[in-house]
Amino acid sequence: MNTKKIVLLCLSLYLSVGLVKAQKATYKIAKLKYNGGGDWYSNKTALPNLIKYCNRNLQMNIHYEDDVVEVGSPELFAYPLVHMTGHGNVLFSSSEAENLRKYLISGGFLHIDDNYGLDKFVRSEMKKVFPELDFVELPFNHPIYNQKYKFPNGLPKIHKHDGKPAQGFGIIYEGRLVCFYTYECDLGDGWEDTAIHNDPPELREKALRMGANIIMFAFTTF
């Protein structure tokens, strides 16, 4: 092989390695694994689809797969955002509640999405995390509804549930929104693969846009 070909080959390899390094994900997000018997693992395609949407439309650089992290794990602190969902029982031990509290007050963000049936459990368990605070409904002019995508009427209603209006609740610690709870909304179902729920494209787009707002807010507000 002559010198010119060797130089071209080396340059090609150098550029390939540089491209791989440039594409290395800056962030990872995780699904929260909790005890109590509830299906924390539901909506398997939701977060990967939302990540893809954010990377494409918001020019983010999030790892294409979500991780799983336990409530009481020190690894919780590696993620700027953790997502919690399910239909059933949730149970935090005292040490898990303390770990989640430390994570949230140190800059982490928790998004809870009621996949139907989660409400009565998650409210009592989050009271263990912040006994001094309550969920408050966020006004429609809150920044989380006004990131790249505007939601002047609050959360989109993706699935019927009990037919109540979708509501967005927050836990605010020392002036900062640390936990956003989407209720009677089912955003996660709207993020899933189209074939799973057969939601119309415009409804899925609303769900993905709101999800993108949540991630953008979490990544830029500390």
N, C-alpha and C. Protein backbone atom coordinates (compact mmCIF):
# COMPACT_ATOMS: atom_id res chain seq x y z
N MET A 1 0.86 -1.20 0.00
CA MET A 1 0.00 0.00 0.00
C MET A 1 0.89 1.24 0.00
N ASN A 2 0.63 2.22 -0.90
CA ASN A 2 1.47 3.39 -0.97
C ASN A 2 1.14 4.38 0.15
N THR A 3 2.00 5.39 0.27
CA THR A 3 1.88 6.35 1.38
C THR A 3 0.55 7.09 1.35
N LYS A 4 0.10 7.45 0.15
CA LYS A 4 -1.15 8.20 0.02
C LYS A 4 -2.32 7.40 0.54
N LYS A 5 -2.37 6.11 0.20
CA LYS A 5 -3.47 5.26 0.65
C LYS A 5 -3.44 5.09 2.17
N ILE A 6 -2.23 4.97 2.72
CA ILE A 6 -2.10 4.82 4.17
C ILE A 6 -2.62 6.06 4.89
N VAL A 7 -2.25 7.24 4.35
CA VAL A 7 -2.72 8.50 4.94
C VAL A 7 -4.24 8.60 4.88
N LEU A 8 -4.81 8.23 3.73
CA LEU A 8 -6.26 8.30 3.58
C LEU A 8 -6.96 7.33 4.52
N LEU A 9 -6.37 6.13 4.69
CA LEU A 9 -6.94 5.14 5.59
C LEU A 9 -6.90 5.64 7.03
N CYS A 10 -5.77 6.20 7.43
CA CYS A 10 -5.63 6.73 8.79
C CYS A 10 -6.61 7.87 9.04
N LEU A 11 -6.76 8.73 8.03
CA LEU A 11 -7.69 9.85 8.16
C LEU A 11 -9.13 9.36 8.30
N SER A 12 -9.45 8.33 7.52
CA SER A 12 -10.80 7.75 7.58
C SER A 12 -11.08 7.17 8.97
N LEU A 13 -10.09 6.44 9.52
CA LEU A 13 -10.25 5.86 10.85
C LEU A 13 -10.38 6.94 11.91
N TYR A 14 -9.57 7.99 11.76
CA TYR A 14 -9.60 9.10 12.72
C TYR A 14 -10.98 9.78 12.72
N LEU A 15 -11.50 10.02 11.55
CA LEU A 15 -12.82 10.66 11.44
C LEU A 15 -13.91 9.76 12.00
N SER A 16 -13.78 8.45 11.76
CA SER A 16 -14.79 7.51 12.26
C SER A 16 -14.79 7.49 13.78
N VAL A 17 -13.60 7.47 14.38
CA VAL A 17 -13.50 7.47 15.84
C VAL A 17 -14.04 8.79 16.39
N GLY A 18 -13.71 9.89 15.72
CA GLY A 18 -14.20 11.19 16.16
C GLY A 18 -15.70 11.28 16.10
N LEU A 19 -16.30 10.69 15.07
CA LEU A 19 -17.75 10.71 14.93
C LEU A 19 -18.41 9.92 16.04
N VAL A 20 -17.84 8.76 16.38
CA VAL A 20 -18.38 7.94 17.47
C VAL A 20 -18.33 8.71 18.78
N LYS A 21 -17.16 9.39 19.02
CA LYS A 21 -17.04 10.16 20.25
C LYS A 21 -18.04 11.31 20.28
N ALA A 22 -18.23 11.96 19.14
CA ALA A 22 -19.16 13.09 19.07
C ALA A 22 -20.59 12.65 19.32
N GLN A 23 -20.89 11.40 18.98
CA GLN A 23 -22.25 10.92 19.12
C GLN A 23 -22.51 10.28 20.48
N LYS A 24 -21.49 10.23 21.33
CA LYS A 24 -21.66 9.63 22.65
C LYS A 24 -22.69 10.42 23.44
N ALA A 25 -23.62 9.72 24.05
CA ALA A 25 -24.73 10.38 24.74
C ALA A 25 -24.23 11.21 25.91
N THR A 26 -24.82 12.38 26.07
CA THR A 26 -24.49 13.27 27.18
C THR A 26 -25.26 12.89 28.43
N TYR A 27 -26.49 12.44 28.25
CA TYR A 27 -27.37 12.13 29.38
C TYR A 27 -27.97 10.74 29.23
N LYS A 28 -28.40 10.21 30.38
CA LYS A 28 -29.26 9.03 30.40
C LYS A 28 -30.41 9.33 31.33
N ILE A 29 -31.57 8.76 31.04
CA ILE A 29 -32.69 8.87 31.95
C ILE A 29 -33.13 7.45 32.33
N ALA A 30 -33.88 7.35 33.41
CA ALA A 30 -34.19 6.02 33.94
C ALA A 30 -35.64 5.90 34.37
N LYS A 31 -36.11 4.67 34.36
CA LYS A 31 -37.43 4.34 34.90
C LYS A 31 -37.23 3.89 36.35
N LEU A 32 -38.11 4.34 37.23
CA LEU A 32 -37.97 4.06 38.65
C LEU A 32 -38.60 2.71 39.00
N LYS A 33 -37.79 1.86 39.61
CA LYS A 33 -38.26 0.55 40.07
C LYS A 33 -38.60 0.66 41.56
N TYR A 34 -39.83 0.31 41.90
CA TYR A 34 -40.28 0.42 43.29
C TYR A 34 -40.89 -0.89 43.74
N ASN A 35 -41.04 -1.04 45.05
CA ASN A 35 -41.66 -2.23 45.64
C ASN A 35 -43.14 -2.00 45.87
N GLY A 36 -43.83 -3.06 46.28
CA GLY A 36 -45.25 -2.97 46.57
C GLY A 36 -46.12 -3.79 45.65
N GLY A 37 -45.55 -4.26 44.54
CA GLY A 37 -46.30 -5.12 43.62
C GLY A 37 -46.84 -4.43 42.40
N GLY A 38 -46.75 -3.11 42.33
CA GLY A 38 -47.22 -2.39 41.15
C GLY A 38 -46.32 -2.62 39.95
N ASP A 39 -46.89 -2.45 38.75
CA ASP A 39 -46.14 -2.75 37.53
C ASP A 39 -45.31 -1.53 37.08
N TRP A 40 -44.23 -1.30 37.81
CA TRP A 40 -43.32 -0.19 37.51
C TRP A 40 -42.73 -0.31 36.10
N TYR A 41 -42.74 -1.52 35.56
CA TYR A 41 -42.08 -1.84 34.29
C TYR A 41 -43.00 -1.62 33.08
N SER A 42 -44.19 -1.12 33.27
CA SER A 42 -45.14 -0.98 32.16
C SER A 42 -44.67 0.08 31.15
N ASN A 43 -45.34 0.09 29.99
CA ASN A 43 -45.03 1.06 28.92
C ASN A 43 -43.56 0.97 28.46
N LYS A 44 -43.17 -0.21 28.05
CA LYS A 44 -41.76 -0.47 27.73
C LYS A 44 -41.24 0.37 26.56
N THR A 45 -42.09 0.72 25.61
CA THR A 45 -41.60 1.48 24.44
C THR A 45 -41.71 2.99 24.64
N ALA A 46 -42.29 3.41 25.76
CA ALA A 46 -42.60 4.84 25.94
C ALA A 46 -41.35 5.71 26.02
N LEU A 47 -40.47 5.44 26.96
CA LEU A 47 -39.30 6.29 27.12
C LEU A 47 -38.36 6.25 25.92
N PRO A 48 -38.07 5.08 25.34
CA PRO A 48 -37.22 5.10 24.13
C PRO A 48 -37.81 5.96 23.01
N ASN A 49 -39.12 5.93 22.84
CA ASN A 49 -39.74 6.76 21.80
C ASN A 49 -39.65 8.25 22.15
N LEU A 50 -39.83 8.57 23.41
CA LEU A 50 -39.73 9.97 23.83
C LEU A 50 -38.29 10.48 23.68
N ILE A 51 -37.33 9.64 24.04
CA ILE A 51 -35.92 10.00 23.88
C ILE A 51 -35.61 10.29 22.42
N LYS A 52 -36.06 9.42 21.55
CA LYS A 52 -35.83 9.61 20.11
C LYS A 52 -36.45 10.93 19.64
N TYR A 53 -37.63 11.23 20.14
CA TYR A 53 -38.32 12.47 19.76
C TYR A 53 -37.52 13.69 20.24
N CYS A 54 -37.04 13.65 21.46
CA CYS A 54 -36.28 14.78 22.01
C CYS A 54 -34.96 14.97 21.28
N ASN A 55 -34.29 13.87 20.97
CA ASN A 55 -33.02 13.98 20.25
C ASN A 55 -33.22 14.57 18.86
N ARG A 56 -34.32 14.20 18.23
CA ARG A 56 -34.59 14.67 16.87
C ARG A 56 -35.11 16.11 16.84
N ASN A 57 -36.01 16.45 17.75
CA ASN A 57 -36.70 17.73 17.67
C ASN A 57 -36.12 18.82 18.58
N LEU A 58 -35.42 18.41 19.63
CA LEU A 58 -34.84 19.39 20.54
C LEU A 58 -33.32 19.40 20.48
N GLN A 59 -32.77 18.60 19.57
CA GLN A 59 -31.31 18.48 19.42
C GLN A 59 -30.64 18.10 20.73
N MET A 60 -31.31 17.23 21.50
CA MET A 60 -30.71 16.71 22.72
C MET A 60 -29.82 15.53 22.38
N ASN A 61 -29.06 15.09 23.35
CA ASN A 61 -28.12 13.98 23.14
C ASN A 61 -28.29 12.98 24.28
N ILE A 62 -29.48 12.39 24.35
CA ILE A 62 -29.83 11.44 25.40
C ILE A 62 -29.58 10.03 24.89
N HIS A 63 -29.05 9.17 25.73
CA HIS A 63 -28.84 7.78 25.34
C HIS A 63 -30.15 7.17 24.89
N TYR A 64 -30.11 6.42 23.80
CA TYR A 64 -31.33 5.96 23.14
C TYR A 64 -32.14 4.96 23.96
N GLU A 65 -31.54 4.35 24.99
CA GLU A 65 -32.28 3.42 25.84
C GLU A 65 -32.36 3.96 27.26
N ASP A 66 -33.51 3.76 27.90
CA ASP A 66 -33.64 4.16 29.29
C ASP A 66 -33.07 3.08 30.20
N ASP A 67 -32.58 3.49 31.35
CA ASP A 67 -32.11 2.56 32.36
C ASP A 67 -33.24 2.25 33.34
N VAL A 68 -32.97 1.32 34.23
CA VAL A 68 -33.86 1.04 35.37
C VAL A 68 -33.06 1.31 36.63
N VAL A 69 -33.64 2.06 37.56
CA VAL A 69 -32.94 2.37 38.81
C VAL A 69 -33.91 2.18 39.98
N GLU A 70 -33.42 1.59 41.05
CA GLU A 70 -34.24 1.35 42.23
C GLU A 70 -34.29 2.61 43.10
N VAL A 71 -35.41 2.78 43.79
CA VAL A 71 -35.63 3.98 44.59
C VAL A 71 -34.51 4.21 45.61
N GLY A 72 -34.06 3.13 46.21
CA GLY A 72 -33.07 3.27 47.28
C GLY A 72 -31.63 3.19 46.82
N SER A 73 -31.39 3.12 45.53
CA SER A 73 -30.04 2.93 45.02
C SER A 73 -29.26 4.24 44.97
N PRO A 74 -27.95 4.20 45.29
CA PRO A 74 -27.12 5.40 45.11
C PRO A 74 -26.98 5.79 43.64
N GLU A 75 -27.26 4.85 42.73
CA GLU A 75 -27.18 5.14 41.30
C GLU A 75 -28.26 6.12 40.85
N LEU A 76 -29.26 6.35 41.69
CA LEU A 76 -30.32 7.31 41.37
C LEU A 76 -29.74 8.67 41.01
N PHE A 77 -28.64 9.02 41.69
CA PHE A 77 -28.06 10.35 41.53
C PHE A 77 -27.33 10.54 40.20
N ALA A 78 -27.24 9.49 39.40
CA ALA A 78 -26.58 9.59 38.10
C ALA A 78 -27.51 10.13 37.02
N TYR A 79 -28.80 10.29 37.34
CA TYR A 79 -29.77 10.66 36.32
C TYR A 79 -30.39 12.02 36.60
N PRO A 80 -30.43 12.91 35.61
CA PRO A 80 -31.09 14.20 35.82
C PRO A 80 -32.60 14.07 35.93
N LEU A 81 -33.15 12.98 35.38
CA LEU A 81 -34.60 12.75 35.43
C LEU A 81 -34.87 11.26 35.57
N VAL A 82 -35.82 10.93 36.43
CA VAL A 82 -36.32 9.56 36.51
C VAL A 82 -37.83 9.60 36.31
N HIS A 83 -38.33 8.56 35.67
CA HIS A 83 -39.75 8.48 35.29
C HIS A 83 -40.38 7.32 36.05
N MET A 84 -41.55 7.56 36.60
CA MET A 84 -42.25 6.55 37.39
C MET A 84 -43.65 6.36 36.83
N THR A 85 -44.06 5.11 36.67
CA THR A 85 -45.40 4.83 36.15
C THR A 85 -45.91 3.53 36.75
N GLY A 86 -47.11 3.14 36.35
CA GLY A 86 -47.70 1.90 36.83
C GLY A 86 -49.18 2.03 37.07
N HIS A 87 -49.80 0.91 37.45
CA HIS A 87 -51.24 0.87 37.70
C HIS A 87 -51.59 0.56 39.16
N GLY A 88 -50.64 0.03 39.92
CA GLY A 88 -51.02 -0.53 41.22
C GLY A 88 -50.23 0.00 42.39
N ASN A 89 -50.01 -0.88 43.35
CA ASN A 89 -49.45 -0.50 44.64
C ASN A 89 -48.00 -0.03 44.54
N VAL A 90 -47.69 0.94 45.37
CA VAL A 90 -46.33 1.48 45.51
C VAL A 90 -45.99 1.48 46.99
N LEU A 91 -44.76 1.08 47.30
CA LEU A 91 -44.34 1.06 48.70
C LEU A 91 -42.89 1.49 48.80
N PHE A 92 -42.66 2.60 49.50
CA PHE A 92 -41.30 3.07 49.78
C PHE A 92 -40.97 2.75 51.24
N SER A 93 -39.82 2.16 51.47
CA SER A 93 -39.33 2.01 52.83
C SER A 93 -38.83 3.37 53.30
N SER A 94 -38.55 3.49 54.58
CA SER A 94 -38.07 4.78 55.10
C SER A 94 -36.73 5.17 54.48
N SER A 95 -35.86 4.18 54.26
CA SER A 95 -34.55 4.48 53.66
C SER A 95 -34.70 4.85 52.18
N GLU A 96 -35.64 4.22 51.49
CA GLU A 96 -35.90 4.57 50.09
C GLU A 96 -36.46 5.98 49.97
N ALA A 97 -37.39 6.30 50.86
CA ALA A 97 -37.98 7.64 50.85
C ALA A 97 -36.91 8.70 51.12
N GLU A 98 -36.01 8.41 52.04
CA GLU A 98 -34.94 9.36 52.35
C GLU A 98 -33.99 9.51 51.17
N ASN A 99 -33.69 8.41 50.49
CA ASN A 99 -32.81 8.47 49.32
C ASN A 99 -33.44 9.29 48.20
N LEU A 100 -34.73 9.07 47.97
CA LEU A 100 -35.43 9.83 46.93
C LEU A 100 -35.49 11.31 47.28
N ARG A 101 -35.70 11.61 48.53
CA ARG A 101 -35.73 13.01 48.98
C ARG A 101 -34.38 13.68 48.71
N LYS A 102 -33.30 13.00 49.10
CA LYS A 102 -31.96 13.57 48.89
C LYS A 102 -31.70 13.80 47.41
N TYR A 103 -32.13 12.86 46.59
CA TYR A 103 -31.96 12.99 45.14
C TYR A 103 -32.69 14.22 44.62
N LEU A 104 -33.92 14.41 45.05
CA LEU A 104 -34.74 15.50 44.53
C LEU A 104 -34.27 16.87 45.02
N ILE A 105 -33.89 16.96 46.28
CA ILE A 105 -33.48 18.27 46.79
C ILE A 105 -32.07 18.64 46.34
N SER A 106 -31.32 17.66 45.82
CA SER A 106 -29.97 17.96 45.35
C SER A 106 -29.93 18.26 43.85
N GLY A 107 -31.10 18.31 43.20
CA GLY A 107 -31.14 18.71 41.80
C GLY A 107 -31.82 17.74 40.87
N GLY A 108 -32.19 16.56 41.36
CA GLY A 108 -32.86 15.58 40.52
C GLY A 108 -34.32 15.94 40.27
N PHE A 109 -34.93 15.23 39.34
CA PHE A 109 -36.32 15.51 38.97
C PHE A 109 -37.06 14.20 38.76
N LEU A 110 -38.27 14.12 39.31
CA LEU A 110 -39.10 12.93 39.18
C LEU A 110 -40.37 13.27 38.42
N HIS A 111 -40.62 12.52 37.34
CA HIS A 111 -41.91 12.62 36.64
C HIS A 111 -42.70 11.36 36.95
N ILE A 112 -43.88 11.53 37.52
CA ILE A 112 -44.78 10.42 37.81
C ILE A 112 -45.95 10.50 36.84
N ASP A 113 -46.19 9.40 36.14
CA ASP A 113 -47.31 9.36 35.19
C ASP A 113 -48.28 8.27 35.62
N ASP A 114 -49.47 8.67 36.02
CA ASP A 114 -50.50 7.72 36.45
C ASP A 114 -50.99 6.92 35.24
N ASN A 115 -50.67 5.65 35.25
CA ASN A 115 -51.07 4.77 34.16
C ASN A 115 -52.45 4.15 34.44
N TYR A 116 -53.11 4.71 35.41
CA TYR A 116 -54.46 4.37 35.90
C TYR A 116 -54.36 3.46 37.12
N GLY A 117 -54.85 3.98 38.23
CA GLY A 117 -54.85 3.23 39.48
C GLY A 117 -53.68 3.53 40.39
N LEU A 118 -52.80 4.43 39.99
CA LEU A 118 -51.60 4.74 40.77
C LEU A 118 -51.85 5.80 41.84
N ASP A 119 -52.86 6.61 41.65
CA ASP A 119 -53.02 7.85 42.41
C ASP A 119 -53.01 7.66 43.93
N LYS A 120 -53.85 6.80 44.44
CA LYS A 120 -53.96 6.69 45.90
C LYS A 120 -52.68 6.16 46.54
N PHE A 121 -51.92 5.41 45.79
CA PHE A 121 -50.68 4.86 46.33
C PHE A 121 -49.55 5.88 46.27
N VAL A 122 -49.43 6.55 45.15
CA VAL A 122 -48.29 7.45 44.98
C VAL A 122 -48.42 8.67 45.89
N ARG A 123 -49.61 9.10 46.16
CA ARG A 123 -49.79 10.26 47.04
C ARG A 123 -49.32 9.94 48.46
N SER A 124 -49.68 8.78 48.96
CA SER A 124 -49.26 8.42 50.32
C SER A 124 -47.76 8.18 50.41
N GLU A 125 -47.18 7.59 49.37
CA GLU A 125 -45.75 7.29 49.42
C GLU A 125 -44.90 8.55 49.23
N MET A 126 -45.36 9.49 48.41
CA MET A 126 -44.61 10.74 48.26
C MET A 126 -44.72 11.58 49.53
N LYS A 127 -45.74 11.33 50.34
CA LYS A 127 -45.84 12.01 51.63
C LYS A 127 -44.72 11.55 52.57
N LYS A 128 -44.25 10.32 52.38
CA LYS A 128 -43.09 9.85 53.14
C LYS A 128 -41.82 10.61 52.73
N VAL A 129 -41.76 10.96 51.46
CA VAL A 129 -40.59 11.64 50.92
C VAL A 129 -40.58 13.10 51.36
N PHE A 130 -41.73 13.76 51.28
CA PHE A 130 -41.86 15.16 51.68
C PHE A 130 -43.06 15.29 52.63
N PRO A 131 -42.89 14.90 53.90
CA PRO A 131 -44.03 14.97 54.83
C PRO A 131 -44.54 16.39 55.06
N GLU A 132 -43.67 17.37 54.81
CA GLU A 132 -44.04 18.76 55.05
C GLU A 132 -44.70 19.42 53.84
N LEU A 133 -44.77 18.70 52.71
CA LEU A 133 -45.28 19.30 51.48
C LEU A 133 -46.45 18.48 50.92
N ASP A 134 -47.28 19.14 50.12
CA ASP A 134 -48.39 18.48 49.43
C ASP A 134 -48.25 18.71 47.93
N PHE A 135 -48.87 17.85 47.14
CA PHE A 135 -48.99 18.11 45.72
C PHE A 135 -49.89 19.33 45.52
N VAL A 136 -49.47 20.21 44.63
CA VAL A 136 -50.29 21.37 44.28
C VAL A 136 -50.51 21.35 42.78
N GLU A 137 -51.70 21.73 42.34
CA GLU A 137 -51.95 21.79 40.91
C GLU A 137 -51.23 22.99 40.31
N LEU A 138 -50.50 22.75 39.23
CA LEU A 138 -49.72 23.81 38.61
C LEU A 138 -50.61 24.66 37.68
N PRO A 139 -50.44 25.97 37.72
CA PRO A 139 -51.21 26.83 36.80
C PRO A 139 -50.73 26.63 35.37
N PHE A 140 -51.59 26.95 34.42
CA PHE A 140 -51.26 26.71 33.01
C PHE A 140 -50.14 27.61 32.50
N ASN A 141 -49.83 28.67 33.24
CA ASN A 141 -48.71 29.52 32.83
C ASN A 141 -47.37 29.07 33.42
N HIS A 142 -47.37 27.92 34.08
CA HIS A 142 -46.11 27.40 34.64
C HIS A 142 -45.14 27.09 33.51
N PRO A 143 -43.83 27.29 33.73
CA PRO A 143 -42.84 27.05 32.67
C PRO A 143 -42.87 25.65 32.07
N ILE A 144 -43.32 24.64 32.82
CA ILE A 144 -43.31 23.28 32.26
C ILE A 144 -44.29 23.14 31.09
N TYR A 145 -45.30 24.00 31.06
CA TYR A 145 -46.25 24.00 29.95
C TYR A 145 -45.83 24.97 28.83
N ASN A 146 -44.69 25.63 29.05
CA ASN A 146 -44.28 26.68 28.12
C ASN A 146 -42.80 26.60 27.79
N GLN A 147 -42.36 25.40 27.45
CA GLN A 147 -41.01 25.21 26.96
C GLN A 147 -41.05 25.42 25.44
N LYS A 148 -40.45 24.56 24.67
CA LYS A 148 -40.52 24.73 23.20
C LYS A 148 -41.96 24.64 22.72
N TYR A 149 -42.73 23.74 23.34
CA TYR A 149 -44.11 23.54 22.94
C TYR A 149 -45.04 24.19 23.96
N LYS A 150 -46.06 24.86 23.49
CA LYS A 150 -46.96 25.61 24.35
C LYS A 150 -48.25 24.82 24.59
N PHE A 151 -48.63 24.73 25.86
CA PHE A 151 -49.87 24.07 26.26
C PHE A 151 -50.68 25.05 27.11
N PRO A 152 -51.36 25.99 26.46
CA PRO A 152 -52.08 27.04 27.19
C PRO A 152 -53.23 26.53 28.04
N ASN A 153 -53.67 25.29 27.78
CA ASN A 153 -54.75 24.70 28.57
C ASN A 153 -54.27 23.54 29.43
N GLY A 154 -52.96 23.48 29.65
CA GLY A 154 -52.42 22.42 30.49
C GLY A 154 -52.24 21.12 29.75
N LEU A 155 -52.23 20.03 30.49
CA LEU A 155 -51.93 18.71 29.94
C LEU A 155 -52.93 18.26 28.88
N PRO A 156 -52.46 17.59 27.84
CA PRO A 156 -53.38 16.97 26.89
C PRO A 156 -54.00 15.71 27.50
N LYS A 157 -55.22 15.43 27.14
CA LYS A 157 -55.90 14.23 27.62
C LYS A 157 -55.67 13.13 26.59
N ILE A 158 -54.90 12.11 26.96
CA ILE A 158 -54.55 11.06 26.00
C ILE A 158 -55.54 9.90 26.07
N HIS A 159 -55.82 9.39 27.26
CA HIS A 159 -56.78 8.30 27.42
C HIS A 159 -57.85 8.66 28.44
N LYS A 160 -58.98 8.01 28.35
CA LYS A 160 -60.17 8.40 29.10
C LYS A 160 -60.01 8.26 30.61
N HIS A 161 -59.51 7.13 31.09
CA HIS A 161 -59.46 6.83 32.52
C HIS A 161 -60.86 6.98 33.12
N ASP A 162 -61.04 7.88 34.08
CA ASP A 162 -62.36 8.06 34.69
C ASP A 162 -63.14 9.20 34.06
N GLY A 163 -62.64 9.71 32.94
CA GLY A 163 -63.33 10.79 32.25
C GLY A 163 -63.12 12.16 32.87
N LYS A 164 -62.24 12.24 33.86
CA LYS A 164 -61.95 13.54 34.48
C LYS A 164 -60.95 14.31 33.63
N PRO A 165 -60.89 15.62 33.82
CA PRO A 165 -59.89 16.39 33.07
C PRO A 165 -58.47 16.04 33.51
N ALA A 166 -57.54 16.09 32.59
CA ALA A 166 -56.14 15.85 32.92
C ALA A 166 -55.64 16.97 33.83
N GLN A 167 -54.84 16.59 34.83
CA GLN A 167 -54.31 17.56 35.77
C GLN A 167 -52.82 17.33 35.98
N GLY A 168 -52.09 18.42 36.16
CA GLY A 168 -50.67 18.34 36.45
C GLY A 168 -50.39 18.87 37.84
N PHE A 169 -49.88 18.01 38.71
CA PHE A 169 -49.57 18.38 40.09
C PHE A 169 -48.07 18.42 40.29
N GLY A 170 -47.65 19.24 41.22
CA GLY A 170 -46.23 19.33 41.50
C GLY A 170 -45.93 19.33 42.98
N ILE A 171 -44.72 18.90 43.31
CA ILE A 171 -44.16 19.11 44.65
C ILE A 171 -43.08 20.17 44.49
N ILE A 172 -43.22 21.25 45.22
CA ILE A 172 -42.30 22.38 45.08
C ILE A 172 -41.50 22.51 46.37
N TYR A 173 -40.20 22.34 46.24
CA TYR A 173 -39.30 22.40 47.39
C TYR A 173 -38.43 23.65 47.27
N GLU A 174 -38.57 24.53 48.24
CA GLU A 174 -37.80 25.78 48.28
C GLU A 174 -37.85 26.51 46.93
N GLY A 175 -39.05 26.58 46.38
CA GLY A 175 -39.28 27.33 45.16
C GLY A 175 -39.01 26.58 43.87
N ARG A 176 -38.52 25.34 43.96
CA ARG A 176 -38.19 24.57 42.75
C ARG A 176 -39.13 23.39 42.60
N LEU A 177 -39.66 23.20 41.40
CA LEU A 177 -40.47 22.03 41.11
C LEU A 177 -39.56 20.81 41.03
N VAL A 178 -39.72 19.87 41.96
CA VAL A 178 -38.85 18.70 42.00
C VAL A 178 -39.56 17.43 41.52
N CYS A 179 -40.89 17.47 41.53
CA CYS A 179 -41.68 16.31 41.10
C CYS A 179 -42.91 16.80 40.35
N PHE A 180 -43.12 16.25 39.16
CA PHE A 180 -44.29 16.60 38.35
C PHE A 180 -45.12 15.34 38.17
N TYR A 181 -46.38 15.42 38.56
CA TYR A 181 -47.28 14.27 38.55
C TYR A 181 -48.40 14.51 37.55
N THR A 182 -48.42 13.70 36.50
CA THR A 182 -49.46 13.82 35.47
C THR A 182 -50.57 12.81 35.76
N TYR A 183 -51.77 13.34 36.01
CA TYR A 183 -52.90 12.56 36.49
C TYR A 183 -54.07 12.65 35.50
N GLU A 184 -54.76 11.51 35.31
CA GLU A 184 -55.90 11.43 34.37
C GLU A 184 -55.50 11.88 32.96
N CYS A 185 -54.31 11.52 32.59
CA CYS A 185 -53.74 12.03 31.34
C CYS A 185 -53.18 10.89 30.49
N ASP A 186 -52.31 10.06 31.11
CA ASP A 186 -51.70 8.91 30.45
C ASP A 186 -50.74 9.30 29.33
N LEU A 187 -49.84 10.22 29.64
CA LEU A 187 -48.84 10.62 28.66
C LEU A 187 -48.04 9.44 28.15
N GLY A 188 -47.64 8.55 29.06
CA GLY A 188 -46.79 7.42 28.69
C GLY A 188 -47.41 6.53 27.62
N ASP A 189 -48.72 6.33 27.69
CA ASP A 189 -49.38 5.55 26.64
C ASP A 189 -49.27 6.25 25.29
N GLY A 190 -49.30 7.57 25.32
CA GLY A 190 -49.17 8.34 24.09
C GLY A 190 -47.77 8.29 23.50
N TRP A 191 -46.77 7.94 24.32
CA TRP A 191 -45.39 7.81 23.83
C TRP A 191 -45.12 6.44 23.23
N GLU A 192 -45.96 5.48 23.56
CA GLU A 192 -45.69 4.10 23.14
C GLU A 192 -45.78 3.93 21.61
N ASP A 193 -45.28 2.78 21.13
CA ASP A 193 -45.38 2.47 19.70
C ASP A 193 -46.83 2.59 19.25
N THR A 194 -47.03 3.08 18.07
CA THR A 194 -48.37 3.34 17.54
C THR A 194 -49.28 2.13 17.63
N ALA A 195 -48.74 0.96 17.32
CA ALA A 195 -49.57 -0.25 17.25
C ALA A 195 -50.11 -0.69 18.60
N ILE A 196 -49.54 -0.22 19.69
CA ILE A 196 -49.95 -0.70 21.01
C ILE A 196 -51.33 -0.18 21.41
N HIS A 197 -51.57 1.11 21.20
CA HIS A 197 -52.86 1.69 21.60
C HIS A 197 -53.66 2.25 20.42
N ASN A 198 -53.04 2.30 19.25
CA ASN A 198 -53.70 2.83 18.05
C ASN A 198 -54.24 4.24 18.23
N ASP A 199 -53.51 5.05 18.98
CA ASP A 199 -53.91 6.45 19.13
C ASP A 199 -53.67 7.20 17.82
N PRO A 200 -54.52 8.16 17.50
CA PRO A 200 -54.31 8.93 16.26
C PRO A 200 -53.01 9.73 16.34
N PRO A 201 -52.39 10.00 15.20
CA PRO A 201 -51.09 10.69 15.17
C PRO A 201 -51.09 12.03 15.91
N GLU A 202 -52.18 12.78 15.78
CA GLU A 202 -52.21 14.09 16.42
C GLU A 202 -52.21 13.99 17.95
N LEU A 203 -52.80 12.90 18.48
CA LEU A 203 -52.82 12.70 19.93
C LEU A 203 -51.44 12.27 20.41
N ARG A 204 -50.79 11.39 19.66
CA ARG A 204 -49.43 10.97 20.01
C ARG A 204 -48.48 12.16 19.96
N GLU A 205 -48.66 13.01 18.98
CA GLU A 205 -47.80 14.19 18.87
C GLU A 205 -47.95 15.10 20.08
N LYS A 206 -49.18 15.29 20.56
CA LYS A 206 -49.39 16.09 21.75
C LYS A 206 -48.70 15.48 22.96
N ALA A 207 -48.82 14.16 23.10
CA ALA A 207 -48.18 13.47 24.22
C ALA A 207 -46.67 13.61 24.17
N LEU A 208 -46.09 13.42 22.99
CA LEU A 208 -44.64 13.53 22.83
C LEU A 208 -44.17 14.96 23.06
N ARG A 209 -44.92 15.92 22.60
CA ARG A 209 -44.53 17.32 22.82
C ARG A 209 -44.54 17.67 24.30
N MET A 210 -45.56 17.21 25.01
CA MET A 210 -45.60 17.48 26.45
C MET A 210 -44.47 16.76 27.16
N GLY A 211 -44.20 15.54 26.75
CA GLY A 211 -43.07 14.81 27.32
C GLY A 211 -41.75 15.51 27.07
N ALA A 212 -41.60 16.06 25.87
CA ALA A 212 -40.38 16.81 25.53
C ALA A 212 -40.26 18.05 26.42
N ASN A 213 -41.38 18.71 26.69
CA ASN A 213 -41.36 19.85 27.60
C ASN A 213 -40.87 19.46 28.99
N ILE A 214 -41.35 18.31 29.46
CA ILE A 214 -40.95 17.84 30.80
C ILE A 214 -39.44 17.61 30.86
N ILE A 215 -38.92 16.94 29.83
CA ILE A 215 -37.48 16.66 29.82
C ILE A 215 -36.68 17.95 29.69
N MET A 216 -37.11 18.85 28.83
CA MET A 216 -36.40 20.12 28.67
C MET A 216 -36.41 20.91 29.97
N PHE A 217 -37.54 20.93 30.64
CA PHE A 217 -37.64 21.64 31.93
C PHE A 217 -36.70 21.01 32.95
N ALA A 218 -36.72 19.69 33.04
CA ALA A 218 -35.89 18.99 34.03
C ALA A 218 -34.40 19.21 33.79
N PHE A 219 -34.01 19.27 32.52
CA PHE A 219 -32.60 19.39 32.18
C PHE A 219 -32.07 20.82 32.32
N THR A 220 -32.96 21.79 32.42
CA THR A 220 -32.51 23.18 32.43
C THR A 220 -32.88 23.92 33.71
N THR A 221 -33.57 23.27 34.63
CA THR A 221 -34.00 23.91 35.87
C THR A 221 -33.43 23.15 37.06
N PHE A 222 -32.61 23.81 37.82
CA PHE A 222 -31.98 23.15 38.99
C PHE A 222 -32.18 24.00 40.24
